[in-house]
Protein backbone atom coordinates (compact mmCIF):
# COMPACT_ATOMS: atom_id res chain seq x y z
CA MET A 1 -7.31 32.65 -9.76
CA THR A 2 -8.50 29.55 -11.55
CA LYS A 3 -7.70 28.48 -14.40
CA ARG A 4 -10.35 29.95 -16.33
CA THR A 5 -9.90 33.15 -15.13
CA LEU A 6 -6.17 33.00 -16.46
CA ALA A 7 -6.97 31.81 -19.65
CA VAL A 8 -9.76 34.77 -20.23
CA ILE A 9 -6.70 36.92 -19.30
CA THR A 10 -4.27 35.43 -21.50
CA VAL A 11 -6.94 35.62 -24.66
CA CYS A 12 -7.87 39.43 -24.21
CA LEU A 13 -4.20 40.30 -23.74
CA LEU A 14 -3.37 38.05 -27.21
CA VAL A 15 -5.75 39.75 -28.79
CA CYS A 16 -4.84 43.24 -27.80
CA LEU A 17 -1.26 42.24 -28.74
CA THR A 18 -2.30 41.29 -32.04
CA SER A 19 -4.56 44.06 -32.81
CA THR A 20 -3.38 47.42 -33.87
CA GLY A 21 -3.03 48.42 -30.40
CA TYR A 22 -5.91 49.21 -29.23
CA CYS A 23 -7.34 47.71 -26.22
CA THR A 24 -10.25 47.59 -24.42
CA GLU A 25 -11.88 46.03 -21.46
CA PRO A 26 -15.13 43.62 -21.81
CA GLY A 27 -18.30 45.96 -21.41
CA ASN A 28 -16.28 49.41 -22.61
CA VAL A 29 -17.65 49.35 -26.20
CA SER A 30 -20.44 51.40 -26.79
CA ASP A 31 -23.31 50.18 -28.12
CA THR A 32 -23.88 50.67 -31.64
CA ALA A 33 -27.77 50.32 -31.50
CA GLU A 34 -27.41 54.02 -29.20
CA LEU A 35 -25.63 55.33 -31.79
CA HIS A 36 -27.56 58.20 -33.87
CA GLU A 37 -28.14 56.30 -37.55
CA GLN A 38 -25.84 59.01 -39.64
CA LEU A 39 -22.59 56.98 -37.44
CA SER A 40 -24.32 53.41 -37.93
CA GLU A 41 -22.04 52.07 -40.06
CA TYR A 42 -18.16 51.74 -39.39
CA SER A 43 -15.12 49.28 -38.92
CA ARG A 44 -14.71 49.62 -35.35
CA PRO A 45 -14.71 52.63 -33.08
CA ILE A 46 -11.75 53.80 -31.48
CA LEU A 47 -12.92 55.95 -29.13
CA GLN A 48 -15.43 58.07 -27.75
CA TRP A 49 -14.15 61.28 -25.14
CA ARG A 50 -15.91 64.06 -23.12
CA THR A 51 -14.13 67.40 -22.96
CA GLU A 52 -15.16 70.37 -21.17
CA ASN A 53 -17.40 71.46 -24.27
CA PHE A 54 -17.71 68.32 -26.39
CA LEU A 55 -18.35 64.89 -27.08
CA VAL A 56 -15.99 63.27 -29.65
CA ARG A 57 -15.52 60.38 -31.54
CA VAL A 58 -13.38 58.60 -34.02
CA ASP A 59 -14.37 55.60 -35.49
CA GLU A 60 -12.11 53.59 -38.32
CA MET A 61 -14.40 53.33 -41.80
CA SER A 62 -11.47 50.85 -43.42
CA GLU A 63 -8.13 50.19 -42.85
CA TYR A 64 -6.48 53.95 -42.36
CA SER A 65 -9.22 56.05 -42.97
CA TYR A 66 -11.36 57.64 -39.54
CA ARG A 67 -14.50 59.29 -38.88
CA TYR A 68 -14.85 61.92 -36.54
CA ALA A 69 -18.09 63.05 -35.16
CA SER A 70 -18.64 65.43 -32.39
CA TRP A 71 -21.58 66.94 -30.28
CA SER A 72 -21.97 69.47 -27.59
CA ALA A 73 -21.07 68.11 -24.39
CA ASP A 74 -24.03 67.51 -22.85
CA ALA A 75 -25.30 65.82 -25.85
CA THR A 76 -25.49 61.93 -25.93
CA GLN A 77 -24.13 60.01 -29.21
CA SER A 78 -27.87 59.08 -29.81
CA ASP A 79 -28.52 62.80 -30.86
CA GLU A 80 -27.68 64.31 -34.30
CA PRO A 81 -23.91 64.86 -34.48
CA ASP A 82 -23.12 68.53 -34.82
CA LEU A 83 -19.65 68.10 -37.26
CA ILE A 84 -19.01 64.95 -39.18
CA LEU A 85 -15.98 64.46 -40.84
CA TYR A 86 -14.52 61.75 -42.98
CA GLY A 87 -11.33 60.93 -44.57
CA GLY A 88 -9.02 61.33 -41.22
CA GLU A 89 -5.85 60.14 -40.94
CA LEU A 90 -3.99 58.33 -38.18
CA ILE A 91 -0.46 60.05 -37.30
CA MET A 92 1.86 58.54 -34.86
CA ASP A 93 3.99 61.07 -32.44
CA GLY A 94 7.45 59.53 -31.81
CA SER A 95 7.73 55.82 -31.26
CA GLY A 96 6.39 55.97 -27.53
CA GLY A 97 2.65 55.71 -28.46
CA ASN A 98 1.56 58.98 -28.64
CA ARG A 99 -0.51 58.94 -31.61
CA HIS A 100 -3.40 61.50 -33.18
CA TYR A 101 -6.22 61.51 -35.53
CA GLU A 102 -5.78 64.44 -37.57
CA PHE A 103 -9.32 65.60 -39.93
CA THR A 104 -9.72 68.94 -41.77
CA ASN A 105 -12.78 70.94 -42.83
CA SER A 106 -13.12 74.33 -45.14
CA GLY A 107 -9.66 75.54 -43.73
CA TYR A 108 -9.90 74.24 -40.22
CA ARG A 109 -8.31 71.34 -38.84
CA TYR A 110 -9.56 68.82 -35.90
CA GLU A 111 -7.03 66.75 -34.15
CA VAL A 112 -7.63 64.12 -31.41
CA HIS A 113 -4.37 63.09 -29.40
CA LEU A 114 -3.80 60.12 -27.23
CA VAL A 115 -1.14 60.85 -24.34
CA TYR A 116 0.50 57.40 -23.51
CA ILE A 117 3.62 59.11 -22.21
CA GLY A 118 3.33 62.67 -21.09
CA THR A 119 2.87 64.99 -18.04
CA GLY A 120 -0.40 63.15 -16.89
CA GLU A 121 -2.43 66.12 -17.05
CA ALA A 122 -5.00 64.15 -18.92
CA PRO A 123 -5.25 61.05 -21.29
CA GLY A 124 -5.89 62.94 -24.35
CA PHE A 125 -6.22 66.50 -25.69
CA LEU A 126 -8.95 68.12 -28.39
CA PHE A 127 -7.23 70.65 -30.75
CA VAL A 128 -9.26 72.44 -33.12
CA TYR A 129 -6.99 74.93 -35.56
CA GLN A 130 -8.09 77.28 -38.44
CA GLY A 131 -5.14 77.31 -40.89
CA ASP A 132 -2.17 77.34 -38.51
CA GLU A 133 -3.94 78.95 -35.72
CA LEU A 134 -4.75 77.00 -32.83
CA LEU A 135 -8.65 78.11 -31.48
CA LEU A 136 -9.15 75.28 -28.77
CA ARG A 137 -7.20 73.26 -27.01
CA GLU A 138 -9.19 70.73 -24.42
CA PRO A 139 -8.06 68.06 -22.06
CA VAL A 140 -10.02 64.76 -21.99
CA VAL A 141 -12.60 64.74 -18.99
CA GLU A 142 -14.30 61.70 -18.75
CA GLN A 143 -13.60 58.81 -21.35
CA ILE A 144 -16.41 56.94 -22.40
CA LEU A 145 -15.02 54.20 -25.02
CA SER A 146 -11.38 54.13 -24.65
CA PRO A 147 -8.26 53.08 -26.96
CA TYR A 148 -5.93 52.60 -24.09
C-alpha cells in the first residue's frame, strides 16, 4: 500500500468516526440529479433500500429531523414518490448501534430499522403499523445507499 492510499484511508476513517455514525464508501451516494424534484432539498442522505415491495429513502432534513420517501419496488428515485413523510425521529435501540427512524401519518407508523447487531437475517427492516397492529414487516433485499 502506498503512503497516499494510507492517507486517504485514514482521512476516510476519521470522517466516519467523527461523523454521526454513518459511513458510506466513495461512489455509494446517489446522485441528487437522479432524485425526483420533490426530494431535491435535504441536508444529507441517510439510506436508500429496496425491500420485496418497496424502494425506501430516508434523508436528514435538519439536525434531528428526517424525511421518509417510498415508491413501489420497481420504481426509481427519479419517479414521483408514492409517499413522503416529514418530521421523522431517530430512535436508538440500546447501546449496540441498532437504531430506527420513525415516521407517523394518519394513524400509521412507518419504521425503518438498521440492524448492526442481530440475527444476520438482513441489514435492516421496514415495518408499518396501524395503531399497534403490525401490517408489514419486510427485510432489506438491496442496499442502494447504505448508512453502514
